[in-house]
C-alpha atoms as a PDB file:
ATOM      1  CA  MET A   1     130.131 108.809  97.808  1.00  0.00           C
ATOM      2  CA  GLU A   2     128.085 106.141  99.555  1.00  0.00           C
ATOM      3  CA  THR A   3     124.778 105.193  97.937  1.00  0.00           C
ATOM      4  CA  ARG A   4     121.800 105.338 100.238  1.00  0.00           C
ATOM      5  CA  VAL A   5     118.769 103.110  99.696  1.00  0.00           C
ATOM      6  CA  ILE A   6     115.637 103.086 101.840  1.00  0.00           C
ATOM      7  CA  ILE A   7     113.000 100.350 101.593  1.00  0.00           C
ATOM      8  CA  SER A   8     109.515 101.156 102.922  1.00  0.00           C
ATOM      9  CA  GLY A   9     105.864 100.729 102.017  1.00  0.00           C
ATOM     10  CA  GLY A  10     104.004  97.472 101.666  1.00  0.00           C
ATOM     11  CA  PRO A  11     104.980  93.880 100.906  1.00  0.00           C
ATOM     12  CA  GLY A  12     104.939  94.393  97.135  1.00  0.00           C
ATOM     13  CA  ASP A  13     102.292  91.791  96.319  1.00  0.00           C
ATOM     14  CA  THR A  14     100.120  94.341  94.460  1.00  0.00           C
ATOM     15  CA  ILE A  15     100.747  97.722  92.875  1.00  0.00           C
ATOM     16  CA  GLU A  16      98.631  99.288  95.637  1.00  0.00           C
ATOM     17  CA  ASN A  17     100.916  97.684  98.252  1.00  0.00           C
ATOM     18  CA  ALA A  18     104.160  98.315  96.372  1.00  0.00           C
ATOM     19  CA  VAL A  19     107.523  98.282  98.081  1.00  0.00           C
ATOM     20  CA  VAL A  20     108.764 101.877  97.993  1.00  0.00           C
ATOM     21  CA  VAL A  21     112.426 102.071  96.995  1.00  0.00           C
ATOM     22  CA  THR A  22     114.147 105.389  97.656  1.00  0.00           C
ATOM     23  CA  ALA A  23     117.561 105.482  96.008  1.00  0.00           C
ATOM     24  CA  ASP A  24     120.108 107.908  94.548  1.00  0.00           C
ATOM     25  CA  SER A  25     120.381 106.103  91.203  1.00  0.00           C
ATOM     26  CA  SER A  26     118.624 103.565  88.994  1.00  0.00           C
ATOM     27  CA  PHE A  27     121.476 101.104  89.501  1.00  0.00           C
ATOM     28  CA  ALA A  28     121.163 101.241  93.307  1.00  0.00           C
ATOM     29  CA  GLY A  29     117.361 101.107  93.152  1.00  0.00           C
ATOM     30  CA  VAL A  30     117.172  98.064  90.890  1.00  0.00           C
ATOM     31  CA  GLU A  31     119.862  96.319  92.920  1.00  0.00           C
ATOM     32  CA  ALA A  32     117.716  96.905  96.037  1.00  0.00           C
ATOM     33  CA  GLU A  33     114.652  95.472  94.254  1.00  0.00           C
ATOM     34  CA  TYR A  34     116.456  92.218  93.498  1.00  0.00           C
ATOM     35  CA  ALA A  35     117.843  92.033  97.038  1.00  0.00           C
ATOM     36  CA  TYR A  36     114.259  92.380  98.321  1.00  0.00           C
ATOM     37  CA  VAL A  37     113.050  89.573  96.018  1.00  0.00           C
ATOM     38  CA  GLN A  38     115.954  87.367  97.168  1.00  0.00           C
ATOM     39  CA  GLN A  39     115.101  87.947 100.818  1.00  0.00           C
ATOM     40  CA  ALA A  40     111.356  87.390 100.320  1.00  0.00           C
ATOM     41  CA  CYS A  41     111.884  84.120  98.424  1.00  0.00           C
ATOM     42  CA  SER A  42     114.493  82.904 100.914  1.00  0.00           C
ATOM     43  CA  GLN A  43     112.034  83.439 103.763  1.00  0.00           C
ATOM     44  CA  LEU A  44     109.701  81.035 101.933  1.00  0.00           C
ATOM     45  CA  GLY A  45     112.570  78.559 101.683  1.00  0.00           C
ATOM     46  CA  MET A  46     112.583  78.710  97.892  1.00  0.00           C
ATOM     47  CA  THR A  47     114.983  79.502  95.108  1.00  0.00           C
ATOM     48  CA  TRP A  48     113.798  81.642  92.202  1.00  0.00           C
ATOM     49  CA  LYS A  49     114.512  82.792  88.659  1.00  0.00           C
ATOM     50  CA  THR A  50     113.444  86.045  87.027  1.00  0.00           C
ATOM     51  CA  LEU A  51     110.847  85.603  84.292  1.00  0.00           C
ATOM     52  CA  SER A  52     110.408  89.297  83.478  1.00  0.00           C
ATOM     53  CA  GLN A  53     110.871  92.858  84.654  1.00  0.00           C
ATOM     54  CA  SER A  54     108.554  95.588  83.393  1.00  0.00           C
ATOM     55  CA  GLN A  55     108.268  99.305  83.995  1.00  0.00           C
ATOM     56  CA  LEU A  56     104.671 100.411  84.581  1.00  0.00           C
ATOM     57  CA  THR A  57     103.145 103.886  84.823  1.00  0.00           C
ATOM     58  CA  SER A  58      99.900 104.366  86.739  1.00  0.00           C
ATOM     59  CA  PRO A  59      97.114 106.621  85.419  1.00  0.00           C
ATOM     60  CA  GLY A  60      98.285 109.152  88.040  1.00  0.00           C
ATOM     61  CA  GLY A  61     101.791 109.182  86.547  1.00  0.00           C
ATOM     62  CA  LYS A  62     103.608 107.172  89.230  1.00  0.00           C
ATOM     63  CA  ASN A  63     106.307 104.760  88.051  1.00  0.00           C
ATOM     64  CA  TYR A  64     106.605 101.138  89.140  1.00  0.00           C
ATOM     65  CA  ASP A  65     108.759  98.113  88.393  1.00  0.00           C
ATOM     66  CA  GLU A  66     107.065  94.724  88.248  1.00  0.00           C
ATOM     67  CA  ILE A  67     109.351  91.729  88.700  1.00  0.00           C
ATOM     68  CA  THR A  68     107.850  88.322  87.936  1.00  0.00           C
ATOM     69  CA  VAL A  69     109.696  85.280  89.234  1.00  0.00           C
ATOM     70  CA  ILE A  70     109.217  81.539  89.086  1.00  0.00           C
ATOM     71  CA  LEU A  71     109.769  79.786  92.392  1.00  0.00           C
ATOM     72  CA  SER A  72     111.377  76.382  92.902  1.00  0.00           C
ATOM     73  CA  ASP A  73     107.924  74.830  93.430  1.00  0.00           C
ATOM     74  CA  GLY A  74     106.859  75.966  89.929  1.00  0.00           C
ATOM     75  CA  THR A  75     104.565  78.810  90.985  1.00  0.00           C
ATOM     76  CA  THR A  76     105.021  82.369  89.813  1.00  0.00           C
ATOM     77  CA  SER A  77     105.032  85.457  91.979  1.00  0.00           C
ATOM     78  CA  ASN A  78     104.929  89.181  91.156  1.00  0.00           C
ATOM     79  CA  PHE A  79     106.688  91.895  93.113  1.00  0.00           C
ATOM     80  CA  TYR A  80     105.820  95.585  92.670  1.00  0.00           C
ATOM     81  CA  PHE A  81     108.175  98.449  93.479  1.00  0.00           C
ATOM     82  CA  ALA A  82     107.451 102.193  93.518  1.00  0.00           C
ATOM     83  CA  ILE A  83     110.448 103.744  91.751  1.00  0.00           C
ATOM     84  CA  ASP A  84     109.735 107.477  91.372  1.00  0.00           C
ATOM     85  CA  SER A  85     112.727 108.458  93.538  1.00  0.00           C
ATOM     86  CA  PHE A  86     115.252 106.968  91.100  1.00  0.00           C
ATOM     87  CA  PHE A  87     113.407 106.456  87.813  1.00  0.00           C
ATOM     88  CA  GLY A  88     115.563 107.843  84.999  1.00  0.00           C
ATOM     89  CA  LYS A  89     118.546 108.683  87.225  1.00  0.00           C
ATOM     90  CA  LEU A  90     121.919 107.257  86.280  1.00  0.00           C
END
């Protein structure tokens, strides 16, 4: 069975503008998150390393992943992903 992943929503720079990841499983969803970070950092012409990944829950009960990276110029950047479609699915 082919895994389907859809990326929509905002640019992911804030939780309010989170990238919406629609996926069949947590594995596929998280893989799509890191592919998005790779593409976004590459467009800036920078390499990156993950500093942290956290799961957040909003007061309204929505689930998010926050990925914090350090870029090759020494700055840090946060990416926010809405993950309700795959949160807790294997």
